[in-house]
Amino acid sequence: MLYWALVFFIVAIVAALFGFGGIAAGAASIAKILFIIFLVLFVISLLLGLGRRGKNVL
């Protein structure tokens, strides 16, 4: 998912350089949404991993 966020971010930068404002804004918003989803899933998996690790220690 982080890969797709980076792809849309690069598309937004290239579109902005060539003057396509609407495409750049759309790609940037998609990149932001995917990045936020990635961060949320990463934090959830990190917390679940720490929870499992604590139970196996005892």
C-alpha atoms as a PDB file:
ATOM      1  CA  MET A   1       0.000   0.000   0.000  1.00  0.00           C
ATOM      2  CA  LEU A   2       2.908   2.316   0.693  1.00  0.00           C
ATOM      3  CA  TYR A   3       4.089   1.553  -2.849  1.00  0.00           C
ATOM      4  CA  TRP A   4       0.826   2.846  -4.335  1.00  0.00           C
ATOM      5  CA  ALA A   5       0.931   5.953  -2.160  1.00  0.00           C
ATOM      6  CA  LEU A   6       4.400   6.702  -3.503  1.00  0.00           C
ATOM      7  CA  VAL A   7       3.279   6.049  -7.086  1.00  0.00           C
ATOM      8  CA  PHE A   8       0.371   8.492  -6.783  1.00  0.00           C
ATOM      9  CA  PHE A   9       2.664  11.031  -5.111  1.00  0.00           C
ATOM     10  CA  ILE A  10       5.104  10.834  -8.021  1.00  0.00           C
ATOM     11  CA  VAL A  11       2.222  11.134 -10.505  1.00  0.00           C
ATOM     12  CA  ALA A  12       1.063  14.246  -8.634  1.00  0.00           C
ATOM     13  CA  ILE A  13       4.521  15.813  -8.780  1.00  0.00           C
ATOM     14  CA  VAL A  14       4.934  15.097 -12.496  1.00  0.00           C
ATOM     15  CA  ALA A  15       1.435  16.401 -13.263  1.00  0.00           C
ATOM     16  CA  ALA A  16       2.108  19.566 -11.270  1.00  0.00           C
ATOM     17  CA  LEU A  17       5.366  20.162 -13.156  1.00  0.00           C
ATOM     18  CA  PHE A  18       3.533  19.967 -16.472  1.00  0.00           C
ATOM     19  CA  GLY A  19       0.710  22.223 -15.279  1.00  0.00           C
ATOM     20  CA  PHE A  20      -2.114  19.729 -14.917  1.00  0.00           C
ATOM     21  CA  GLY A  21      -3.540  21.098 -11.678  1.00  0.00           C
ATOM     22  CA  GLY A  22      -6.651  18.916 -11.495  1.00  0.00           C
ATOM     23  CA  ILE A  23      -4.761  15.685 -12.076  1.00  0.00           C
ATOM     24  CA  ALA A  24      -2.073  16.707  -9.591  1.00  0.00           C
ATOM     25  CA  ALA A  25      -4.644  17.493  -6.914  1.00  0.00           C
ATOM     26  CA  GLY A  26      -6.475  14.214  -7.491  1.00  0.00           C
ATOM     27  CA  ALA A  27      -3.314  12.117  -7.385  1.00  0.00           C
ATOM     28  CA  ALA A  28      -2.077  13.948  -4.293  1.00  0.00           C
ATOM     29  CA  SER A  29      -5.334  13.340  -2.445  1.00  0.00           C
ATOM     30  CA  ILE A  30      -5.266   9.640  -3.347  1.00  0.00           C
ATOM     31  CA  ALA A  31      -1.648   9.448  -2.143  1.00  0.00           C
ATOM     32  CA  LYS A  32      -2.595  11.107   1.160  1.00  0.00           C
ATOM     33  CA  ILE A  33      -5.494   8.715   1.735  1.00  0.00           C
ATOM     34  CA  LEU A  34      -3.394   5.631   0.966  1.00  0.00           C
ATOM     35  CA  PHE A  35      -0.580   6.860   3.197  1.00  0.00           C
ATOM     36  CA  ILE A  36      -2.964   7.452   6.107  1.00  0.00           C
ATOM     37  CA  ILE A  37      -4.474   3.984   5.649  1.00  0.00           C
ATOM     38  CA  PHE A  38      -0.947   2.528   5.586  1.00  0.00           C
ATOM     39  CA  LEU A  39      -0.031   4.328   8.808  1.00  0.00           C
ATOM     40  CA  VAL A  40      -3.191   3.167  10.586  1.00  0.00           C
ATOM     41  CA  LEU A  41      -2.651  -0.459   9.537  1.00  0.00           C
ATOM     42  CA  PHE A  42       1.018  -0.254  10.534  1.00  0.00           C
ATOM     43  CA  VAL A  43       0.192   1.035  14.019  1.00  0.00           C
ATOM     44  CA  ILE A  44      -2.502  -1.608  14.485  1.00  0.00           C
ATOM     45  CA  SER A  45      -0.161  -4.410  13.449  1.00  0.00           C
ATOM     46  CA  LEU A  46       2.577  -2.990  15.660  1.00  0.00           C
ATOM     47  CA  LEU A  47       0.283  -2.907  18.680  1.00  0.00           C
ATOM     48  CA  LEU A  48      -1.053  -6.409  18.027  1.00  0.00           C
ATOM     49  CA  GLY A  49       2.499  -7.708  17.648  1.00  0.00           C
ATOM     50  CA  LEU A  50       3.536  -6.176  20.950  1.00  0.00           C
ATOM     51  CA  GLY A  51       0.459  -7.625  22.634  1.00  0.00           C
ATOM     52  CA  ARG A  52       1.236 -11.115  21.403  1.00  0.00           C
ATOM     53  CA  ARG A  53       4.883 -10.835  22.378  1.00  0.00           C
ATOM     54  CA  GLY A  54       3.958  -9.903  25.946  1.00  0.00           C
ATOM     55  CA  LYS A  55       1.685 -12.931  26.338  1.00  0.00           C
ATOM     56  CA  ASN A  56       4.309 -15.387  25.101  1.00  0.00           C
ATOM     57  CA  VAL A  57       6.989 -14.169  27.511  1.00  0.00           C
ATOM     58  CA  LEU A  58       5.198 -15.585  30.534  1.00  0.00           C
END
